[in-house]
Amino acid sequence: MKDENKPFNDAIEHFNEIEGNAGNPSNAKINKLPKPLKYFGCFMIGFISLSILLMIILNLLN
């Protein structure tokens, strides 16, 4: 079985260390973000969703 965390070669490993790449999406820990950033993200997603829904409803009423 191939190890998913093993880099392709030394150059890729060095590039990932320099650039700060996560390597794979499972390394991205959303729960480790600061609370204000999590709340801001939730607010933005909610605001955009409600705005789109409101625009659809208003367009249907016209």
N, C-alpha and C. Protein backbone atom coordinates (compact mmCIF):
# COMPACT_ATOMS: atom_id res chain seq x y z
N MET A 1 0.84 -1.18 0.00
CA MET A 1 0.00 0.00 0.00
C MET A 1 0.89 1.24 0.00
N LYS A 2 0.54 2.19 -0.84
CA LYS A 2 1.35 3.40 -0.98
C LYS A 2 1.02 4.39 0.13
N ASP A 3 2.06 4.97 0.69
CA ASP A 3 1.88 5.97 1.74
C ASP A 3 1.48 7.30 1.10
N GLU A 4 0.31 7.83 1.46
CA GLU A 4 -0.19 9.07 0.86
C GLU A 4 0.59 10.30 1.31
N ASN A 5 1.20 10.25 2.48
CA ASN A 5 1.93 11.41 2.99
C ASN A 5 3.35 11.49 2.47
N LYS A 6 3.82 10.45 1.82
CA LYS A 6 5.19 10.45 1.30
C LYS A 6 5.26 11.34 0.06
N PRO A 7 6.22 12.28 0.01
CA PRO A 7 6.33 13.16 -1.16
C PRO A 7 6.80 12.39 -2.40
N PHE A 8 6.48 12.95 -3.56
CA PHE A 8 6.85 12.34 -4.84
C PHE A 8 8.37 12.25 -4.97
N ASN A 9 9.05 13.33 -4.63
CA ASN A 9 10.51 13.35 -4.61
C ASN A 9 10.98 14.47 -3.68
N ASP A 10 12.29 14.63 -3.55
CA ASP A 10 12.83 15.63 -2.62
C ASP A 10 12.47 17.06 -3.03
N ALA A 11 12.41 17.31 -4.33
CA ALA A 11 12.09 18.66 -4.80
C ALA A 11 10.66 19.04 -4.41
N ILE A 12 9.73 18.10 -4.55
CA ILE A 12 8.34 18.36 -4.18
C ILE A 12 8.23 18.57 -2.67
N GLU A 13 8.96 17.77 -1.90
CA GLU A 13 8.93 17.92 -0.45
C GLU A 13 9.47 19.29 -0.05
N HIS A 14 10.57 19.71 -0.66
CA HIS A 14 11.16 21.02 -0.37
C HIS A 14 10.19 22.14 -0.76
N PHE A 15 9.57 22.02 -1.93
CA PHE A 15 8.60 23.03 -2.38
C PHE A 15 7.44 23.13 -1.40
N ASN A 16 6.92 22.01 -0.94
CA ASN A 16 5.80 22.03 0.00
C ASN A 16 6.20 22.65 1.33
N GLU A 17 7.42 22.43 1.78
CA GLU A 17 7.88 23.04 3.03
C GLU A 17 8.04 24.54 2.87
N ILE A 18 8.59 24.98 1.75
CA ILE A 18 8.82 26.41 1.52
C ILE A 18 7.50 27.15 1.34
N GLU A 19 6.60 26.59 0.53
CA GLU A 19 5.34 27.25 0.21
C GLU A 19 4.29 27.08 1.30
N GLY A 20 4.46 26.11 2.16
CA GLY A 20 3.49 25.86 3.20
C GLY A 20 2.26 25.13 2.70
N ASN A 21 2.40 24.33 1.65
CA ASN A 21 1.28 23.58 1.11
C ASN A 21 0.87 22.49 2.09
N ALA A 22 -0.44 22.21 2.12
CA ALA A 22 -0.96 21.22 3.05
C ALA A 22 -0.61 19.80 2.63
N GLY A 23 -0.36 19.56 1.37
CA GLY A 23 -0.05 18.22 0.91
C GLY A 23 -1.27 17.48 0.43
N ASN A 24 -2.24 17.35 1.29
CA ASN A 24 -3.53 16.78 0.89
C ASN A 24 -4.63 17.45 1.70
N PRO A 25 -5.86 17.43 1.21
CA PRO A 25 -6.94 18.17 1.89
C PRO A 25 -7.23 17.69 3.31
N SER A 26 -6.87 16.47 3.64
CA SER A 26 -7.16 15.99 4.99
C SER A 26 -6.31 16.70 6.04
N ASN A 27 -5.22 17.37 5.61
CA ASN A 27 -4.38 18.10 6.55
C ASN A 27 -4.98 19.44 6.95
N ALA A 28 -5.94 19.93 6.18
CA ALA A 28 -6.57 21.22 6.48
C ALA A 28 -7.57 21.02 7.61
N LYS A 29 -7.30 21.61 8.75
CA LYS A 29 -8.15 21.43 9.93
C LYS A 29 -8.98 22.70 10.13
N ILE A 30 -10.24 22.65 9.74
CA ILE A 30 -11.13 23.80 9.87
C ILE A 30 -11.41 24.09 11.34
N ASN A 31 -11.49 23.06 12.16
CA ASN A 31 -11.80 23.26 13.57
C ASN A 31 -10.69 23.96 14.34
N LYS A 32 -9.51 24.05 13.76
CA LYS A 32 -8.38 24.69 14.44
C LYS A 32 -8.29 26.18 14.13
N LEU A 33 -9.21 26.71 13.32
CA LEU A 33 -9.20 28.14 13.03
C LEU A 33 -9.64 28.93 14.25
N PRO A 34 -9.20 30.18 14.38
CA PRO A 34 -9.67 31.02 15.49
C PRO A 34 -11.18 31.26 15.39
N LYS A 35 -11.82 31.41 16.55
CA LYS A 35 -13.28 31.58 16.58
C LYS A 35 -13.77 32.77 15.77
N PRO A 36 -13.12 33.95 15.85
CA PRO A 36 -13.62 35.07 15.03
C PRO A 36 -13.60 34.76 13.53
N LEU A 37 -12.60 34.04 13.08
CA LEU A 37 -12.52 33.69 11.67
C LEU A 37 -13.62 32.70 11.28
N LYS A 38 -13.91 31.74 12.16
CA LYS A 38 -15.00 30.80 11.91
C LYS A 38 -16.34 31.53 11.85
N TYR A 39 -16.56 32.44 12.80
CA TYR A 39 -17.82 33.18 12.83
C TYR A 39 -17.96 34.08 11.60
N PHE A 40 -16.87 34.71 11.19
CA PHE A 40 -16.90 35.55 10.00
C PHE A 40 -17.24 34.72 8.76
N GLY A 41 -16.65 33.55 8.65
CA GLY A 41 -16.94 32.66 7.52
C GLY A 41 -18.39 32.23 7.50
N CYS A 42 -18.92 31.87 8.66
CA CYS A 42 -20.34 31.47 8.75
C CYS A 42 -21.25 32.65 8.40
N PHE A 43 -20.90 33.83 8.88
CA PHE A 43 -21.69 35.03 8.57
C PHE A 43 -21.69 35.31 7.07
N MET A 44 -20.53 35.22 6.44
CA MET A 44 -20.44 35.50 5.01
C MET A 44 -21.22 34.48 4.19
N ILE A 45 -21.12 33.20 4.53
CA ILE A 45 -21.86 32.17 3.80
C ILE A 45 -23.36 32.39 3.97
N GLY A 46 -23.79 32.69 5.19
CA GLY A 46 -25.20 32.96 5.44
C GLY A 46 -25.69 34.20 4.72
N PHE A 47 -24.90 35.26 4.75
CA PHE A 47 -25.28 36.51 4.09
C PHE A 47 -25.42 36.33 2.59
N ILE A 48 -24.47 35.65 1.99
CA ILE A 48 -24.51 35.42 0.54
C ILE A 48 -25.69 34.53 0.18
N SER A 49 -25.93 33.49 0.97
CA SER A 49 -27.07 32.59 0.70
C SER A 49 -28.39 33.33 0.81
N LEU A 50 -28.56 34.12 1.87
CA LEU A 50 -29.80 34.88 2.02
C LEU A 50 -29.96 35.93 0.93
N SER A 51 -28.88 36.54 0.50
CA SER A 51 -28.95 37.54 -0.57
C SER A 51 -29.40 36.90 -1.88
N ILE A 52 -28.85 35.74 -2.19
CA ILE A 52 -29.25 35.05 -3.42
C ILE A 52 -30.72 34.64 -3.34
N LEU A 53 -31.13 34.11 -2.20
CA LEU A 53 -32.52 33.70 -2.03
C LEU A 53 -33.46 34.90 -2.15
N LEU A 54 -33.09 36.02 -1.55
CA LEU A 54 -33.91 37.23 -1.62
C LEU A 54 -34.00 37.76 -3.05
N MET A 55 -32.89 37.71 -3.79
CA MET A 55 -32.92 38.16 -5.19
C MET A 55 -33.83 37.27 -6.02
N ILE A 56 -33.80 35.97 -5.80
CA ILE A 56 -34.67 35.06 -6.54
C ILE A 56 -36.14 35.35 -6.23
N ILE A 57 -36.45 35.53 -4.95
CA ILE A 57 -37.84 35.80 -4.56
C ILE A 57 -38.32 37.12 -5.14
N LEU A 58 -37.49 38.16 -5.08
CA LEU A 58 -37.89 39.47 -5.61
C LEU A 58 -38.05 39.44 -7.13
N ASN A 59 -37.23 38.65 -7.82
CA ASN A 59 -37.37 38.54 -9.27
C ASN A 59 -38.64 37.79 -9.64
N LEU A 60 -39.05 36.83 -8.84
CA LEU A 60 -40.28 36.08 -9.12
C LEU A 60 -41.52 36.94 -8.87
N LEU A 61 -41.44 37.89 -7.95
CA LEU A 61 -42.59 38.74 -7.64
C LEU A 61 -42.83 39.81 -8.71
N ASN A 62 -41.80 40.18 -9.43
CA ASN A 62 -41.95 41.23 -10.46
C ASN A 62 -42.60 40.71 -11.69
